[in-house]
N, C-alpha and C. Protein backbone atom coordinates (compact mmCIF):
# COMPACT_ATOMS: atom_id res chain seq x y z
N UNK A 1 -15.38 -8.91 -5.62
CA UNK A 1 -16.24 -7.85 -6.14
C UNK A 1 -15.64 -6.52 -5.74
N UNK A 2 -15.51 -5.62 -6.67
CA UNK A 2 -14.99 -4.30 -6.36
C UNK A 2 -16.13 -3.30 -6.39
N UNK A 3 -16.18 -2.44 -5.39
CA UNK A 3 -17.20 -1.41 -5.29
C UNK A 3 -16.58 -0.11 -5.80
N UNK A 4 -17.27 0.52 -6.72
CA UNK A 4 -16.74 1.73 -7.34
C UNK A 4 -16.85 2.96 -6.47
N UNK A 5 -16.25 4.04 -6.95
CA UNK A 5 -16.28 5.32 -6.24
C UNK A 5 -17.72 5.76 -6.04
N UNK A 6 -18.09 6.10 -4.84
CA UNK A 6 -19.44 6.57 -4.53
C UNK A 6 -20.44 5.46 -4.28
N UNK A 7 -20.07 4.20 -4.52
CA UNK A 7 -20.99 3.09 -4.29
C UNK A 7 -20.90 2.61 -2.84
N UNK A 8 -22.00 2.12 -2.35
CA UNK A 8 -22.06 1.58 -0.99
C UNK A 8 -21.85 0.07 -1.04
N UNK A 9 -21.35 -0.47 0.07
CA UNK A 9 -21.25 -1.92 0.20
C UNK A 9 -22.68 -2.46 0.22
N UNK A 10 -22.96 -3.54 -0.51
CA UNK A 10 -24.33 -4.06 -0.54
C UNK A 10 -24.82 -4.44 0.86
N UNK A 11 -26.03 -4.02 1.24
CA UNK A 11 -26.55 -4.37 2.56
C UNK A 11 -27.08 -5.80 2.58
N UNK A 12 -27.14 -6.38 3.77
CA UNK A 12 -27.75 -7.70 3.95
C UNK A 12 -26.87 -8.82 3.48
N UNK A 13 -27.48 -9.98 3.32
CA UNK A 13 -26.74 -11.16 2.91
C UNK A 13 -25.72 -11.53 3.96
N UNK A 14 -24.57 -11.98 3.53
CA UNK A 14 -23.53 -12.36 4.46
C UNK A 14 -22.47 -11.30 4.68
N UNK A 15 -22.73 -10.08 4.22
CA UNK A 15 -21.72 -9.02 4.29
C UNK A 15 -21.45 -8.60 5.73
N UNK A 16 -20.18 -8.52 6.07
CA UNK A 16 -19.77 -7.99 7.37
C UNK A 16 -18.57 -7.08 7.12
N UNK A 17 -18.61 -5.93 7.73
CA UNK A 17 -17.52 -4.97 7.53
C UNK A 17 -16.45 -5.15 8.60
N UNK A 18 -15.24 -4.75 8.26
CA UNK A 18 -14.16 -4.78 9.23
C UNK A 18 -14.51 -3.89 10.42
N UNK A 19 -15.19 -2.79 10.17
CA UNK A 19 -15.58 -1.88 11.25
C UNK A 19 -16.55 -2.56 12.22
N UNK A 20 -17.51 -3.33 11.69
CA UNK A 20 -18.48 -3.98 12.58
C UNK A 20 -17.81 -5.08 13.40
N UNK A 21 -16.80 -5.74 12.85
CA UNK A 21 -16.06 -6.73 13.63
C UNK A 21 -15.26 -6.06 14.73
N UNK A 22 -14.66 -4.92 14.40
CA UNK A 22 -13.88 -4.20 15.40
C UNK A 22 -14.75 -3.66 16.52
N UNK A 23 -15.99 -3.31 16.21
CA UNK A 23 -16.92 -2.81 17.23
C UNK A 23 -17.36 -3.91 18.19
N UNK A 24 -17.32 -5.16 17.75
CA UNK A 24 -17.83 -6.26 18.58
C UNK A 24 -19.34 -6.31 18.44
N UNK A 25 -20.01 -6.91 19.39
CA UNK A 25 -21.46 -6.97 19.36
C UNK A 25 -22.00 -8.00 18.39
N UNK A 26 -23.19 -7.70 17.85
CA UNK A 26 -23.92 -8.64 17.01
C UNK A 26 -23.14 -9.02 15.75
N UNK A 27 -22.49 -8.07 15.09
CA UNK A 27 -21.75 -8.37 13.87
C UNK A 27 -20.66 -9.39 14.12
N UNK A 28 -19.90 -9.20 15.18
CA UNK A 28 -18.83 -10.13 15.52
C UNK A 28 -19.39 -11.48 15.95
N UNK A 29 -20.42 -11.46 16.79
CA UNK A 29 -21.02 -12.72 17.25
C UNK A 29 -21.56 -13.55 16.09
N UNK A 30 -22.23 -12.89 15.14
CA UNK A 30 -22.77 -13.59 13.98
C UNK A 30 -21.65 -14.17 13.12
N UNK A 31 -20.59 -13.39 12.94
CA UNK A 31 -19.45 -13.84 12.15
C UNK A 31 -18.80 -15.07 12.78
N UNK A 32 -18.60 -15.05 14.10
CA UNK A 32 -17.95 -16.17 14.78
C UNK A 32 -18.87 -17.38 14.92
N UNK A 33 -20.18 -17.16 14.97
CA UNK A 33 -21.12 -18.29 15.06
C UNK A 33 -20.98 -19.20 13.86
N UNK A 34 -20.64 -18.64 12.72
CA UNK A 34 -20.45 -19.45 11.52
C UNK A 34 -19.26 -20.41 11.68
N UNK A 35 -18.17 -19.92 12.29
CA UNK A 35 -17.01 -20.78 12.54
C UNK A 35 -17.33 -21.86 13.57
N UNK A 36 -18.05 -21.48 14.60
CA UNK A 36 -18.43 -22.45 15.62
C UNK A 36 -19.29 -23.55 15.01
N UNK A 37 -20.25 -23.17 14.18
CA UNK A 37 -21.12 -24.15 13.52
C UNK A 37 -20.34 -25.05 12.58
N UNK A 38 -19.34 -24.49 11.89
CA UNK A 38 -18.55 -25.29 10.96
C UNK A 38 -17.73 -26.34 11.71
N UNK A 39 -17.12 -25.97 12.84
CA UNK A 39 -16.34 -26.93 13.63
C UNK A 39 -17.27 -28.02 14.15
N UNK A 40 -18.44 -27.63 14.65
CA UNK A 40 -19.40 -28.62 15.15
C UNK A 40 -19.84 -29.56 14.03
N UNK A 41 -20.11 -29.02 12.85
CA UNK A 41 -20.53 -29.85 11.72
C UNK A 41 -19.43 -30.80 11.27
N UNK A 42 -18.20 -30.29 11.19
CA UNK A 42 -17.10 -31.08 10.66
C UNK A 42 -16.51 -32.07 11.65
N UNK A 43 -16.53 -31.74 12.96
CA UNK A 43 -15.83 -32.56 13.94
C UNK A 43 -16.71 -33.07 15.08
N UNK A 44 -17.96 -32.62 15.13
CA UNK A 44 -18.88 -33.12 16.14
C UNK A 44 -18.68 -32.58 17.53
N UNK A 45 -17.84 -31.56 17.69
CA UNK A 45 -17.63 -30.92 18.99
C UNK A 45 -17.56 -29.42 18.78
N UNK A 46 -17.86 -28.68 19.85
CA UNK A 46 -17.67 -27.23 19.82
C UNK A 46 -16.22 -26.92 20.11
N UNK A 47 -15.65 -25.99 19.40
CA UNK A 47 -14.29 -25.53 19.69
C UNK A 47 -14.35 -24.53 20.84
N UNK A 48 -13.21 -24.37 21.51
CA UNK A 48 -13.13 -23.36 22.57
C UNK A 48 -13.36 -21.98 21.96
N UNK A 49 -13.88 -21.03 22.74
CA UNK A 49 -14.13 -19.68 22.20
C UNK A 49 -12.88 -19.01 21.63
N UNK A 50 -11.72 -19.21 22.25
CA UNK A 50 -10.51 -18.60 21.71
C UNK A 50 -10.11 -19.20 20.37
N UNK A 51 -10.41 -20.48 20.19
CA UNK A 51 -10.11 -21.13 18.92
C UNK A 51 -11.06 -20.64 17.83
N UNK A 52 -12.34 -20.52 18.17
CA UNK A 52 -13.32 -19.98 17.22
C UNK A 52 -12.92 -18.57 16.82
N UNK A 53 -12.49 -17.76 17.77
CA UNK A 53 -12.05 -16.40 17.47
C UNK A 53 -10.82 -16.42 16.56
N UNK A 54 -9.90 -17.36 16.80
CA UNK A 54 -8.72 -17.48 15.94
C UNK A 54 -9.08 -17.87 14.52
N UNK A 55 -10.01 -18.82 14.38
CA UNK A 55 -10.48 -19.20 13.04
C UNK A 55 -11.12 -18.00 12.35
N UNK A 56 -11.97 -17.28 13.08
CA UNK A 56 -12.64 -16.11 12.50
C UNK A 56 -11.65 -15.06 12.05
N UNK A 57 -10.65 -14.78 12.89
CA UNK A 57 -9.64 -13.80 12.53
C UNK A 57 -8.89 -14.25 11.27
N UNK A 58 -8.51 -15.51 11.24
CA UNK A 58 -7.80 -16.01 10.07
C UNK A 58 -8.65 -15.91 8.80
N UNK A 59 -9.91 -16.29 8.91
CA UNK A 59 -10.77 -16.31 7.71
C UNK A 59 -11.10 -14.90 7.22
N UNK A 60 -11.03 -13.91 8.10
CA UNK A 60 -11.25 -12.54 7.66
C UNK A 60 -9.94 -11.91 7.21
N UNK A 61 -8.88 -12.14 7.97
CA UNK A 61 -7.61 -11.46 7.70
C UNK A 61 -6.93 -12.01 6.45
N UNK A 62 -7.07 -13.32 6.18
CA UNK A 62 -6.37 -13.91 5.04
C UNK A 62 -6.72 -13.21 3.73
N UNK A 63 -7.99 -13.14 3.33
CA UNK A 63 -8.27 -12.46 2.06
C UNK A 63 -7.96 -10.97 2.11
N UNK A 64 -8.16 -10.35 3.27
CA UNK A 64 -7.84 -8.92 3.37
C UNK A 64 -6.33 -8.69 3.20
N UNK A 65 -5.53 -9.56 3.76
CA UNK A 65 -4.08 -9.43 3.61
C UNK A 65 -3.64 -9.65 2.16
N UNK A 66 -4.37 -10.51 1.44
CA UNK A 66 -4.02 -10.71 0.03
C UNK A 66 -4.19 -9.43 -0.78
N UNK A 67 -5.12 -8.58 -0.36
CA UNK A 67 -5.32 -7.31 -1.06
C UNK A 67 -4.09 -6.42 -0.95
N UNK A 68 -3.28 -6.67 0.05
CA UNK A 68 -2.06 -5.89 0.25
C UNK A 68 -0.84 -6.63 -0.28
N UNK A 69 -0.74 -7.93 0.02
CA UNK A 69 0.48 -8.65 -0.33
C UNK A 69 0.63 -8.91 -1.83
N UNK A 70 -0.46 -9.18 -2.52
CA UNK A 70 -0.33 -9.44 -3.97
C UNK A 70 0.20 -8.21 -4.69
N UNK A 71 -0.38 -7.01 -4.49
CA UNK A 71 0.21 -5.83 -5.14
C UNK A 71 1.66 -5.57 -4.69
N UNK A 72 1.94 -5.89 -3.42
CA UNK A 72 3.31 -5.67 -2.94
C UNK A 72 4.29 -6.56 -3.70
N UNK A 73 3.97 -7.84 -3.84
CA UNK A 73 4.89 -8.73 -4.54
C UNK A 73 4.96 -8.41 -6.03
N UNK A 74 3.88 -7.97 -6.63
CA UNK A 74 3.88 -7.69 -8.06
C UNK A 74 4.47 -6.33 -8.41
N UNK A 75 4.18 -5.31 -7.57
CA UNK A 75 4.53 -3.94 -7.93
C UNK A 75 5.33 -3.18 -6.87
N UNK A 76 5.58 -3.84 -5.74
CA UNK A 76 6.25 -3.19 -4.61
C UNK A 76 5.50 -1.94 -4.16
N UNK A 77 4.18 -2.02 -4.26
CA UNK A 77 3.30 -0.96 -3.79
C UNK A 77 2.10 -1.61 -3.12
N UNK A 78 1.46 -0.88 -2.23
CA UNK A 78 0.27 -1.41 -1.55
C UNK A 78 -0.88 -0.43 -1.68
N UNK A 79 -2.11 -0.95 -1.75
CA UNK A 79 -3.26 -0.04 -1.82
C UNK A 79 -3.54 0.54 -0.44
N UNK A 80 -4.12 1.70 -0.45
CA UNK A 80 -4.56 2.31 0.81
C UNK A 80 -5.97 1.81 1.07
N UNK A 81 -6.18 1.03 2.15
CA UNK A 81 -7.47 0.41 2.44
C UNK A 81 -7.96 0.84 3.82
N UNK A 82 -8.68 1.94 3.92
CA UNK A 82 -9.25 2.32 5.21
C UNK A 82 -10.23 1.24 5.69
N UNK A 83 -10.34 1.07 7.00
CA UNK A 83 -11.17 0.01 7.56
C UNK A 83 -12.62 0.10 7.08
N UNK A 84 -13.12 1.28 6.85
CA UNK A 84 -14.49 1.44 6.39
C UNK A 84 -14.73 1.00 4.96
N UNK A 85 -13.65 0.68 4.24
CA UNK A 85 -13.77 0.28 2.84
C UNK A 85 -13.64 -1.23 2.63
N UNK A 86 -13.51 -1.99 3.70
CA UNK A 86 -13.32 -3.42 3.55
C UNK A 86 -14.50 -4.16 4.15
N UNK A 87 -15.17 -4.97 3.33
CA UNK A 87 -16.26 -5.83 3.78
C UNK A 87 -16.05 -7.20 3.17
N UNK A 88 -16.66 -8.18 3.79
CA UNK A 88 -16.45 -9.56 3.37
C UNK A 88 -17.77 -10.30 3.46
N UNK A 89 -18.08 -11.06 2.43
CA UNK A 89 -19.27 -11.91 2.43
C UNK A 89 -18.79 -13.35 2.40
N UNK A 90 -18.91 -14.04 3.53
CA UNK A 90 -18.42 -15.42 3.61
C UNK A 90 -19.32 -16.41 2.89
N UNK A 91 -20.47 -15.97 2.43
CA UNK A 91 -21.36 -16.90 1.74
C UNK A 91 -21.04 -17.03 0.26
N UNK A 92 -20.20 -16.13 -0.26
CA UNK A 92 -19.77 -16.20 -1.66
C UNK A 92 -18.26 -15.95 -1.70
N UNK A 93 -17.58 -16.44 -2.73
CA UNK A 93 -16.14 -16.17 -2.82
C UNK A 93 -15.89 -14.69 -3.12
N UNK A 94 -14.80 -14.18 -2.63
CA UNK A 94 -14.41 -12.82 -2.96
C UNK A 94 -14.38 -11.90 -1.76
N UNK A 95 -13.87 -10.73 -1.97
CA UNK A 95 -13.77 -9.70 -0.95
C UNK A 95 -14.15 -8.39 -1.60
N UNK A 96 -15.07 -7.69 -1.00
CA UNK A 96 -15.51 -6.43 -1.57
C UNK A 96 -14.74 -5.29 -0.92
N UNK A 97 -14.23 -4.39 -1.75
CA UNK A 97 -13.53 -3.24 -1.23
C UNK A 97 -14.07 -1.99 -1.87
N UNK A 98 -13.97 -0.91 -1.14
CA UNK A 98 -14.33 0.39 -1.70
C UNK A 98 -13.14 0.94 -2.47
N UNK A 99 -13.26 2.17 -2.96
CA UNK A 99 -12.15 2.75 -3.70
C UNK A 99 -10.89 2.77 -2.84
N UNK A 100 -9.80 2.30 -3.38
CA UNK A 100 -8.58 2.15 -2.60
C UNK A 100 -7.78 3.43 -2.50
N UNK A 101 -7.95 4.32 -3.40
CA UNK A 101 -7.08 5.48 -3.39
C UNK A 101 -5.75 5.13 -4.02
N UNK A 102 -4.75 5.89 -3.69
CA UNK A 102 -3.45 5.74 -4.32
C UNK A 102 -2.73 4.49 -3.83
N UNK A 103 -1.93 3.94 -4.71
CA UNK A 103 -1.00 2.89 -4.31
C UNK A 103 0.24 3.61 -3.80
N UNK A 104 0.86 3.04 -2.76
CA UNK A 104 2.03 3.70 -2.22
C UNK A 104 3.12 2.69 -1.93
N UNK A 105 4.36 3.10 -2.06
CA UNK A 105 5.46 2.19 -1.75
C UNK A 105 5.64 2.08 -0.24
N UNK A 106 6.13 0.94 0.21
CA UNK A 106 6.50 0.76 1.60
C UNK A 106 8.02 0.71 1.69
N UNK A 107 8.58 1.18 2.79
CA UNK A 107 10.03 1.07 2.91
C UNK A 107 10.43 -0.40 3.03
N UNK A 108 11.53 -0.74 2.40
CA UNK A 108 12.01 -2.11 2.47
C UNK A 108 12.64 -2.36 3.84
N UNK A 109 12.41 -3.55 4.36
CA UNK A 109 13.04 -3.92 5.62
C UNK A 109 14.50 -4.25 5.34
N UNK A 110 15.37 -3.87 6.26
CA UNK A 110 16.79 -4.16 6.08
C UNK A 110 17.08 -5.64 6.30
N UNK A 111 16.44 -6.23 7.31
CA UNK A 111 16.64 -7.65 7.58
C UNK A 111 15.28 -8.30 7.75
N UNK A 112 15.05 -9.36 7.02
CA UNK A 112 13.79 -10.10 7.16
C UNK A 112 14.03 -11.27 8.10
N UNK A 113 13.26 -11.38 9.18
CA UNK A 113 13.47 -12.52 10.09
C UNK A 113 13.06 -13.82 9.41
N UNK A 114 13.72 -14.92 9.73
CA UNK A 114 13.33 -16.21 9.11
C UNK A 114 11.94 -16.60 9.56
N UNK A 115 11.16 -17.30 8.70
CA UNK A 115 9.81 -17.68 9.11
C UNK A 115 9.86 -18.69 10.25
N UNK A 116 9.00 -18.49 11.20
CA UNK A 116 8.93 -19.41 12.36
C UNK A 116 7.51 -19.88 12.54
N UNK A 117 7.34 -21.04 13.15
CA UNK A 117 6.02 -21.54 13.54
C UNK A 117 5.93 -21.36 15.04
N UNK A 118 4.88 -20.73 15.47
CA UNK A 118 4.67 -20.54 16.89
C UNK A 118 3.18 -20.57 17.17
N UNK A 119 2.79 -20.23 18.37
CA UNK A 119 1.37 -20.29 18.74
C UNK A 119 0.52 -19.40 17.84
N UNK A 120 1.07 -18.30 17.36
CA UNK A 120 0.29 -17.39 16.53
C UNK A 120 0.02 -17.98 15.16
N UNK A 121 1.01 -18.68 14.57
CA UNK A 121 0.82 -19.20 13.23
C UNK A 121 0.30 -20.63 13.21
N UNK A 122 0.06 -21.20 14.35
CA UNK A 122 -0.41 -22.59 14.43
C UNK A 122 -1.84 -22.68 13.91
N UNK A 123 -2.17 -23.83 13.33
CA UNK A 123 -3.52 -24.02 12.79
C UNK A 123 -4.55 -24.29 13.90
N UNK A 124 -4.10 -24.59 15.10
CA UNK A 124 -4.95 -24.82 16.27
C UNK A 124 -5.83 -26.07 16.15
N UNK A 125 -5.54 -26.94 15.19
CA UNK A 125 -6.33 -28.16 15.04
C UNK A 125 -6.22 -29.04 16.28
N UNK A 126 -5.10 -28.92 17.00
CA UNK A 126 -4.90 -29.73 18.20
C UNK A 126 -5.98 -29.48 19.25
N UNK A 127 -6.65 -28.34 19.18
CA UNK A 127 -7.70 -28.06 20.17
C UNK A 127 -8.98 -28.81 19.87
N UNK A 128 -9.15 -29.23 18.62
CA UNK A 128 -10.35 -29.97 18.23
C UNK A 128 -10.12 -31.47 18.37
N UNK A 129 -9.00 -31.94 17.85
CA UNK A 129 -8.63 -33.36 17.95
C UNK A 129 -7.16 -33.45 18.36
N UNK A 130 -6.88 -33.40 19.66
CA UNK A 130 -5.48 -33.39 20.11
C UNK A 130 -4.69 -34.62 19.69
N UNK A 131 -5.37 -35.74 19.49
CA UNK A 131 -4.66 -36.96 19.10
C UNK A 131 -4.33 -37.00 17.61
N UNK A 132 -4.81 -36.03 16.84
CA UNK A 132 -4.66 -36.06 15.39
C UNK A 132 -4.03 -34.77 14.87
N UNK A 133 -2.96 -34.32 15.50
CA UNK A 133 -2.31 -33.09 15.07
C UNK A 133 -1.48 -33.36 13.82
N UNK A 134 -1.14 -32.31 13.11
CA UNK A 134 -0.32 -32.47 11.91
C UNK A 134 1.13 -32.70 12.31
N UNK A 135 1.90 -33.24 11.39
CA UNK A 135 3.29 -33.58 11.67
C UNK A 135 4.14 -32.35 11.93
N UNK A 136 3.72 -31.20 11.44
CA UNK A 136 4.49 -29.99 11.65
C UNK A 136 4.02 -29.17 12.85
N UNK A 137 3.05 -29.70 13.60
CA UNK A 137 2.52 -28.98 14.76
C UNK A 137 3.63 -28.73 15.77
N UNK A 138 3.78 -27.50 16.24
CA UNK A 138 4.83 -27.23 17.22
C UNK A 138 4.59 -27.95 18.55
N UNK A 139 3.41 -28.48 18.77
CA UNK A 139 3.12 -29.21 19.99
C UNK A 139 3.42 -30.70 19.88
N UNK A 140 3.83 -31.14 18.70
CA UNK A 140 4.19 -32.54 18.50
C UNK A 140 5.67 -32.71 18.83
N UNK A 141 5.99 -33.65 19.72
CA UNK A 141 7.40 -33.89 20.06
C UNK A 141 8.11 -34.48 18.85
N UNK A 142 9.42 -34.45 18.87
CA UNK A 142 10.20 -34.92 17.73
C UNK A 142 9.91 -36.39 17.41
N UNK A 143 9.80 -37.23 18.44
CA UNK A 143 9.52 -38.64 18.20
C UNK A 143 8.16 -38.81 17.52
N UNK A 144 7.17 -38.08 17.97
CA UNK A 144 5.85 -38.13 17.36
C UNK A 144 5.86 -37.60 15.94
N UNK A 145 6.63 -36.55 15.71
CA UNK A 145 6.73 -35.94 14.37
C UNK A 145 7.36 -36.93 13.39
N UNK A 146 8.45 -37.57 13.80
CA UNK A 146 9.12 -38.54 12.94
C UNK A 146 8.18 -39.72 12.65
N UNK A 147 7.46 -40.18 13.68
CA UNK A 147 6.52 -41.28 13.47
C UNK A 147 5.44 -40.92 12.47
N UNK A 148 4.90 -39.71 12.57
CA UNK A 148 3.86 -39.28 11.63
C UNK A 148 4.42 -39.14 10.21
N UNK A 149 5.63 -38.63 10.09
CA UNK A 149 6.23 -38.49 8.77
C UNK A 149 6.52 -39.85 8.14
N UNK A 150 7.02 -40.80 8.94
CA UNK A 150 7.27 -42.15 8.43
C UNK A 150 5.97 -42.80 7.99
N UNK A 151 4.92 -42.65 8.81
CA UNK A 151 3.62 -43.24 8.48
C UNK A 151 3.08 -42.66 7.17
N UNK A 152 3.22 -41.34 7.00
CA UNK A 152 2.75 -40.70 5.78
C UNK A 152 3.55 -41.15 4.57
N UNK A 153 4.86 -41.34 4.75
CA UNK A 153 5.72 -41.77 3.64
C UNK A 153 5.42 -43.23 3.24
N UNK A 154 5.05 -44.03 4.23
CA UNK A 154 4.79 -45.45 3.97
C UNK A 154 3.45 -45.67 3.27
N UNK A 155 2.54 -44.73 3.42
CA UNK A 155 1.20 -44.92 2.81
C UNK A 155 1.13 -44.45 1.38
C-alpha cells in the first residue's frame, strides 16, 4: 500500500513504524511478541530472546530492503525513505510507505565481496531444533552436511 503526499499512515491494526521499533518500548515488544508466538505455535518451544529479535529484524528489514533493492536493480537508483515514512502491517501483505521523494543514484562499488554465510546471515533455525539444521548451516560439520545432502538426494 502506498500512502500519498500529505496522507498519514493508517492508525491501529497491525501497523508499526520503523521509528516506534527504533524507540523500543511497547511497539517493539508487541512486534517481537508475534515472532515469539509464531515459534511457540510452530515448534512447541519458546525461542531465545536474541533469536526472536533476529526473526523480528529479518521480517521487518526484508520488505523494507526490497523497497531499495528492486529500484536499484531495475534503474540503478534508490528511493529516499526517511525512517518516519516506513510502516509495516504484519497482519496483511505489503509495506506502506510515505512519499519517497526523489530517486537518486548510488555510487558503484569498485569491488563487490563474494557472498558469504556467517552468523549474521544464518537462519538461526539451529536454536529451535539443533538436531534438524539445514544442510547449508555453517554450524553443520562437513560430514554432517554431506550426510544430509545424500539423504535429500536419495529421497
